[in-house]
Amino acid sequence: MLDRTDRRLLRALQQNGAMTAQDMGRHLGLSTSQAGRRRQKLEHTGVLRGVSVDIDPATCGLRVQAFVTITRAPHDPSLMDDFTRLLQTTPEIVSAFDITGAENTVLRIWCSDLDALRALIDQIILPHPMVEKLHTQIVMEQIKLDSPLPL
């Protein structure tokens, strides 16, 4: 269970994942070693899964963000495993969700341009036998950037 200090540490790490143990200790009012042990405990228990870097997609040539909703074909465990593997190994698919409702899956995709998005959909996603129907929504503007968890 997370205590108040763990939550404060997690909030701070969401803002700056590169904090040193010394920085964490100062922020929390703890010794460097106590802060380091707390972080290690959070890593060991799987609460803290890793540290990421916030990269501006446009500066890397990624100018098209899209959400793709998929209605899957009737369930076949072997096909579902293959479909999951496809989603996990396609770099343009940055996140995938199994959802409730008429559609079963939502993908968040980043591509360099519309031609690349079309190729991804037409050549990689649509040919998979688990894909029965697909709907694409292109992001015109991201109003709120991805933000820290509300801890």
Protein backbone atom coordinates (compact mmCIF):
# COMPACT_ATOMS: atom_id res chain seq x y z
CA MET A 1 0.00 0.00 0.00
CA LEU A 2 1.27 3.46 -0.82
CA ASP A 3 1.72 5.90 2.01
CA ARG A 4 1.69 9.68 1.74
CA THR A 5 5.45 9.92 1.24
CA ASP A 6 5.34 7.31 -1.55
CA ARG A 7 2.66 9.34 -3.32
CA ARG A 8 4.69 12.54 -2.97
CA LEU A 9 7.70 10.73 -4.40
CA LEU A 10 5.69 9.37 -7.33
CA ARG A 11 4.25 12.82 -8.09
CA ALA A 12 7.77 14.28 -8.10
CA LEU A 13 9.12 11.49 -10.32
CA GLN A 14 6.29 12.02 -12.81
CA GLN A 15 7.52 15.60 -13.17
CA ASN A 16 11.20 14.65 -13.31
CA GLY A 17 12.04 10.97 -13.64
CA ALA A 18 15.76 11.77 -13.62
CA MET A 19 15.75 12.98 -10.01
CA THR A 20 18.74 11.77 -8.06
CA ALA A 21 18.36 10.18 -4.64
CA GLN A 22 19.75 13.41 -3.23
CA ASP A 23 17.06 15.47 -5.07
CA MET A 24 14.37 13.06 -3.88
CA GLY A 25 15.62 13.27 -0.29
CA ARG A 26 15.57 17.07 -0.35
CA HIS A 27 12.07 17.09 -1.88
CA LEU A 28 10.70 14.62 0.68
CA GLY A 29 12.65 15.82 3.73
CA LEU A 30 14.42 12.46 3.97
CA SER A 31 18.04 11.37 3.85
CA THR A 32 19.46 10.44 0.47
CA SER A 33 19.60 6.76 1.43
CA GLN A 34 15.99 6.73 2.73
CA ALA A 35 14.75 8.35 -0.48
CA GLY A 36 16.77 5.90 -2.59
CA ARG A 37 15.36 2.93 -0.66
CA ARG A 38 11.81 4.21 -1.14
CA ARG A 39 12.36 4.48 -4.90
CA GLN A 40 13.89 0.99 -4.99
CA LYS A 41 10.90 -0.40 -3.09
CA LEU A 42 8.50 1.21 -5.59
CA GLU A 43 10.51 -0.26 -8.48
CA HIS A 44 10.74 -3.71 -6.87
CA THR A 45 7.00 -3.91 -6.14
CA GLY A 46 6.14 -2.83 -9.71
CA VAL A 47 4.53 0.48 -8.76
CA LEU A 48 7.28 2.37 -10.58
CA ARG A 49 7.56 0.60 -13.92
CA GLY A 50 10.23 2.76 -15.50
CA VAL A 51 11.31 6.22 -16.45
CA SER A 52 10.35 7.79 -19.75
CA VAL A 53 11.40 10.81 -21.75
CA ASP A 54 8.92 13.32 -23.18
CA ILE A 55 9.76 13.80 -26.86
CA ASP A 56 8.08 16.28 -29.22
CA PRO A 57 6.77 14.00 -32.03
CA ALA A 58 6.89 16.74 -34.68
CA THR A 59 10.62 17.31 -34.15
CA CYS A 60 11.14 13.62 -34.95
CA GLY A 61 9.07 13.75 -38.13
CA LEU A 62 5.89 12.33 -36.60
CA ARG A 63 3.19 14.75 -37.71
CA VAL A 64 0.03 12.60 -37.80
CA GLN A 65 -1.60 11.19 -34.68
CA ALA A 66 -4.67 9.01 -35.09
CA PHE A 67 -7.01 6.89 -33.04
CA VAL A 68 -8.19 3.73 -34.72
CA THR A 69 -11.13 1.78 -33.35
CA ILE A 70 -11.46 -1.84 -34.36
CA THR A 71 -14.37 -4.23 -34.23
CA ARG A 72 -12.81 -7.66 -33.95
CA ALA A 73 -14.00 -10.83 -35.63
CA PRO A 74 -15.48 -13.59 -33.43
CA HIS A 75 -12.99 -14.72 -30.83
CA ASP A 76 -10.34 -17.25 -31.78
CA PRO A 77 -7.64 -17.60 -29.10
CA SER A 78 -4.82 -18.34 -31.54
CA LEU A 79 -5.77 -15.39 -33.76
CA MET A 80 -6.13 -13.13 -30.72
CA ASP A 81 -2.61 -13.98 -29.56
CA ASP A 82 -1.28 -13.16 -33.03
CA PHE A 83 -3.30 -9.92 -33.13
CA THR A 84 -1.94 -8.90 -29.72
CA ARG A 85 1.59 -9.62 -30.90
CA LEU A 86 0.99 -7.48 -34.01
CA LEU A 87 -0.18 -4.56 -31.86
CA GLN A 88 2.73 -4.91 -29.45
CA THR A 89 5.41 -5.10 -32.15
CA THR A 90 4.24 -2.37 -34.53
CA PRO A 91 6.21 0.73 -33.50
CA GLU A 92 3.69 3.24 -34.87
CA ILE A 93 1.06 1.86 -32.48
CA VAL A 94 2.09 3.62 -29.28
CA SER A 95 -0.80 2.29 -27.20
CA ALA A 96 -3.62 -0.20 -27.57
CA PHE A 97 -6.67 -0.76 -25.40
CA ASP A 98 -9.24 -3.54 -25.13
CA ILE A 99 -12.50 -1.64 -24.56
CA THR A 100 -16.21 -2.21 -24.01
CA GLY A 101 -18.85 -1.23 -26.52
CA ALA A 102 -19.43 -1.83 -30.21
CA GLU A 103 -15.72 -1.63 -30.97
CA ASN A 104 -13.34 -3.90 -29.08
CA THR A 105 -9.96 -2.22 -29.51
CA VAL A 106 -8.64 1.35 -29.66
CA LEU A 107 -5.19 2.12 -31.02
CA ARG A 108 -3.23 5.34 -30.66
CA ILE A 109 -0.94 5.74 -33.64
CA TRP A 110 1.81 8.16 -34.66
CA CYS A 111 2.98 8.35 -38.29
CA SER A 112 5.07 10.70 -40.37
CA ASP A 113 2.23 11.61 -42.71
CA LEU A 114 -1.13 10.48 -44.08
CA ASP A 115 0.49 8.19 -46.66
CA ALA A 116 2.33 6.35 -43.88
CA LEU A 117 -0.90 6.07 -41.88
CA ARG A 118 -2.74 4.71 -44.91
CA ALA A 119 0.01 2.15 -45.54
CA LEU A 120 -0.03 1.04 -41.90
CA ILE A 121 -3.80 0.57 -41.97
CA ASP A 122 -4.05 -0.99 -45.43
CA GLN A 123 -0.99 -3.23 -45.31
CA ILE A 124 -0.57 -4.18 -41.66
CA ILE A 125 -3.74 -3.72 -39.60
CA LEU A 126 -6.63 -4.39 -41.99
CA PRO A 127 -5.23 -7.65 -43.45
CA HIS A 128 -5.23 -9.31 -40.03
CA PRO A 129 -8.11 -11.83 -39.77
CA MET A 130 -9.14 -10.48 -36.33
CA VAL A 131 -10.04 -7.11 -37.88
CA GLU A 132 -13.67 -7.12 -38.94
CA LYS A 133 -14.23 -3.37 -39.11
CA LEU A 134 -12.02 -0.34 -38.60
CA HIS A 135 -12.66 3.38 -38.05
CA THR A 136 -9.93 6.03 -38.10
CA GLN A 137 -9.97 9.43 -36.42
CA ILE A 138 -7.13 11.84 -37.16
CA VAL A 139 -6.14 14.23 -34.40
CA MET A 140 -6.32 17.84 -35.54
CA GLU A 141 -4.86 19.22 -32.31
CA GLN A 142 -4.02 17.72 -28.94
CA ILE A 143 -5.76 20.06 -26.51
CA LYS A 144 -4.21 18.57 -23.37
CA LEU A 145 -0.85 16.85 -23.42
CA ASP A 146 -0.47 13.54 -21.64
CA SER A 147 -0.28 14.38 -17.97
CA PRO A 148 0.85 12.73 -14.75
CA LEU A 149 -1.46 10.36 -12.93
CA PRO A 150 -3.67 12.05 -10.32
CA LEU A 151 -1.89 10.71 -7.22
